[in-house]
Amino acid sequence: MLRLEGYEVWSAQSADEGLNLAQAHRPHAIILDLRMPLTSGLQFLRAIRAIPGLTNTPVAIVTGDYYLDKPQENEIQALGAQLRYKPLWLEELVTLARELLNPPVRD
């Protein structure tokens, strides 16, 4: 959907593939799912934050889990990621991509 909107997109089927893509391409933003095979989105986020040059990359974690415990929410926030809930419709996904790529200027 984001490609149709003109964004350059890389997608991965596993966390390892995603980390390799992130290291190779240094994305301007990352959108990932909280529930991933063999790892969690939170573990993936920790790994992304450990890669030099990606420590401040805007990240959004998307989940269908409407209840997250407070420690998870706190860690997601501390690692600088946004949390969004499924379903994300096309307009919401495009808005999220725009927000990640063009964050508001803070005084």
Protein backbone atom coordinates (compact mmCIF):
# COMPACT_ATOMS: atom_id res chain seq x y z
CA MET A 1 0.00 0.00 0.00
CA LEU A 2 2.82 2.42 0.83
CA ARG A 3 4.57 1.69 -2.47
CA LEU A 4 1.41 2.77 -4.28
CA GLU A 5 1.66 6.06 -2.38
CA GLY A 6 5.20 6.58 -3.70
CA TYR A 7 7.23 5.37 -0.71
CA GLU A 8 10.28 3.15 -1.09
CA VAL A 9 9.51 0.10 1.04
CA TRP A 10 11.49 -2.93 2.17
CA SER A 11 9.69 -5.77 3.88
CA ALA A 12 10.99 -8.78 5.77
CA GLN A 13 9.53 -12.14 6.68
CA SER A 14 11.67 -12.52 9.81
CA ALA A 15 13.40 -10.40 12.43
CA ASP A 16 16.83 -11.45 11.17
CA GLU A 17 15.93 -10.46 7.63
CA GLY A 18 14.53 -7.15 8.92
CA LEU A 19 17.70 -6.38 10.87
CA ASN A 20 19.83 -7.17 7.82
CA LEU A 21 17.69 -4.89 5.66
CA ALA A 22 17.85 -2.12 8.26
CA GLN A 23 21.63 -2.34 8.45
CA ALA A 24 22.00 -2.39 4.67
CA HIS A 25 19.49 0.35 3.78
CA ARG A 26 19.41 2.60 6.89
CA PRO A 27 15.67 3.32 6.59
CA HIS A 28 14.24 6.72 7.44
CA ALA A 29 11.42 5.01 9.40
CA ILE A 30 10.38 1.53 10.50
CA ILE A 31 6.90 0.09 10.97
CA LEU A 32 6.80 -3.33 12.61
CA ASP A 33 4.39 -5.73 14.24
CA LEU A 34 4.59 -6.50 17.95
CA ARG A 35 3.94 -10.21 17.31
CA MET A 36 6.64 -11.69 15.09
CA PRO A 37 7.74 -15.28 14.52
CA LEU A 38 10.60 -16.36 16.81
CA THR A 39 10.95 -12.93 18.43
CA SER A 40 8.82 -10.01 19.47
CA GLY A 41 8.60 -6.54 18.04
CA LEU A 42 10.00 -5.28 21.33
CA GLN A 43 13.10 -7.49 20.99
CA PHE A 44 13.44 -6.28 17.40
CA LEU A 45 13.19 -2.66 18.55
CA ARG A 46 15.92 -3.25 21.14
CA ALA A 47 18.14 -4.69 18.39
CA ILE A 48 17.44 -1.73 16.07
CA ARG A 49 18.31 0.73 18.83
CA ALA A 50 21.66 -1.05 19.31
CA ILE A 51 22.70 -0.47 15.67
CA PRO A 52 24.80 2.67 15.24
CA GLY A 53 22.97 5.11 12.99
CA LEU A 54 19.53 3.66 13.80
CA THR A 55 19.28 4.69 17.44
CA ASN A 56 16.99 7.61 16.58
CA THR A 57 15.19 6.19 13.55
CA PRO A 58 11.43 6.78 13.93
CA VAL A 59 9.67 3.50 14.71
CA ALA A 60 6.01 2.55 15.04
CA ILE A 61 4.95 -0.76 16.54
CA VAL A 62 1.59 -2.01 15.34
CA THR A 63 -0.36 -4.59 17.33
CA GLY A 64 -3.73 -6.24 17.57
CA ASP A 65 -3.15 -6.73 21.30
CA TYR A 66 -5.33 -4.15 22.99
CA TYR A 67 -3.86 -4.90 26.39
CA LEU A 68 -0.15 -4.45 26.99
CA ASP A 69 1.26 -4.54 30.45
CA LYS A 70 2.74 -1.33 31.83
CA PRO A 71 6.39 -2.50 31.62
CA GLN A 72 5.96 -3.22 27.89
CA GLU A 73 4.31 0.15 27.26
CA ASN A 74 7.01 1.92 29.27
CA GLU A 75 9.83 0.21 27.38
CA ILE A 76 8.28 0.96 24.00
CA GLN A 77 8.02 4.60 25.01
CA ALA A 78 11.55 4.66 26.49
CA LEU A 79 12.92 3.24 23.23
CA GLY A 80 11.21 6.07 21.35
CA ALA A 81 8.62 4.12 19.41
CA GLN A 82 5.00 4.95 18.72
CA LEU A 83 2.35 2.35 19.45
CA ARG A 84 -0.58 1.88 17.07
CA TYR A 85 -3.43 -0.60 17.16
CA LYS A 86 -4.81 -2.75 14.35
CA PRO A 87 -6.59 -2.55 12.12
CA LEU A 88 -4.79 0.22 10.26
CA TRP A 89 -6.69 1.25 7.18
CA LEU A 90 -4.91 2.67 4.14
CA GLU A 91 -5.41 6.30 5.14
CA GLU A 92 -4.18 5.60 8.68
CA LEU A 93 -1.10 3.75 7.39
CA VAL A 94 -0.21 6.59 5.02
CA THR A 95 -0.73 9.14 7.81
CA LEU A 96 1.51 7.08 10.10
CA ALA A 97 4.25 6.94 7.45
CA ARG A 98 4.02 10.71 6.96
CA GLU A 99 4.23 11.31 10.72
CA LEU A 100 7.27 9.07 11.06
CA LEU A 101 9.06 10.69 8.12
CA ASN A 102 8.09 14.28 8.94
CA PRO A 103 7.97 14.61 12.71
CA PRO A 104 6.69 17.92 14.08
CA VAL A 105 9.30 20.47 15.02
CA ARG A 106 9.47 20.87 18.78
CA ASP A 107 10.42 24.09 20.51
